[in-house]
């Protein structure tokens, strides 16, 4: 609800992903703009790459 208010009232860009799963899950509404959908996908990629790099460092690779 806060994200929608920021989007509509302040013109903020939003992105939605679910954290806590094995992989980030992109969570967007059908009403989201194409820009918000692309931003959500880009954020999910960044989270996935970060997790992969962190896991690689933990394994000593």
Protein backbone atom coordinates (compact mmCIF):
# COMPACT_ATOMS: atom_id res chain seq x y z
CA UNK A 1 0.00 0.00 0.00
CA UNK A 2 2.85 2.37 0.81
CA UNK A 3 4.56 1.54 -2.48
CA UNK A 4 1.39 2.39 -4.42
CA UNK A 5 1.09 5.70 -2.56
CA UNK A 6 4.71 6.55 -3.34
CA UNK A 7 4.14 5.60 -6.95
CA UNK A 8 0.98 7.65 -7.47
CA UNK A 9 1.55 10.59 -5.15
CA UNK A 10 5.33 11.09 -5.37
CA UNK A 11 6.03 9.67 -8.82
CA UNK A 12 8.45 7.14 -7.34
CA UNK A 13 9.64 4.13 -9.32
CA UNK A 14 8.81 0.79 -7.73
CA UNK A 15 10.05 -2.76 -8.00
CA UNK A 16 8.71 -5.87 -6.37
CA UNK A 17 10.45 -9.13 -5.54
CA UNK A 18 9.91 -11.74 -2.86
CA UNK A 19 12.99 -12.59 -0.82
CA UNK A 20 13.52 -15.66 1.33
CA UNK A 21 13.03 -18.31 -1.34
CA UNK A 22 15.87 -20.16 -3.05
CA UNK A 23 15.57 -17.72 -5.93
CA UNK A 24 14.14 -14.20 -6.02
CA UNK A 25 10.53 -14.16 -7.19
CA UNK A 26 9.37 -11.20 -9.27
CA UNK A 27 6.10 -9.91 -7.89
CA UNK A 28 4.28 -7.34 -10.00
CA UNK A 29 0.69 -6.38 -10.48
CA UNK A 30 -1.06 -6.54 -13.85
CA UNK A 31 -1.55 -2.80 -13.43
CA UNK A 32 2.19 -2.13 -13.15
CA UNK A 33 3.86 -0.12 -15.85
CA UNK A 34 6.33 -1.76 -18.22
CA UNK A 35 9.08 0.24 -16.51
CA UNK A 36 8.13 -1.22 -13.10
CA UNK A 37 8.14 -4.73 -14.56
CA UNK A 38 11.60 -4.22 -16.08
CA UNK A 39 12.86 -2.72 -12.83
CA UNK A 40 11.56 -5.71 -10.86
CA UNK A 41 13.25 -8.14 -13.26
CA UNK A 42 16.53 -6.20 -13.08
CA UNK A 43 16.39 -6.18 -9.28
CA UNK A 44 15.79 -9.94 -9.22
CA UNK A 45 18.83 -10.47 -11.46
CA UNK A 46 21.00 -8.33 -9.18
CA UNK A 47 19.87 -10.28 -6.11
CA UNK A 48 20.49 -13.62 -7.85
CA UNK A 49 23.98 -12.59 -8.97
CA UNK A 50 24.83 -11.31 -5.49
CA UNK A 51 23.68 -14.58 -3.91
CA UNK A 52 25.66 -16.62 -6.43
CA UNK A 53 28.83 -14.62 -5.78
CA UNK A 54 28.38 -14.85 -2.00
CA UNK A 55 27.86 -18.60 -2.22
CA UNK A 56 30.94 -18.96 -4.45
CA UNK A 57 33.06 -17.06 -1.89
CA UNK A 58 31.73 -19.23 0.95
CA UNK A 59 32.77 -22.37 -0.95
CA UNK A 60 36.20 -20.91 -1.62
CA UNK A 61 35.96 -20.68 -5.43
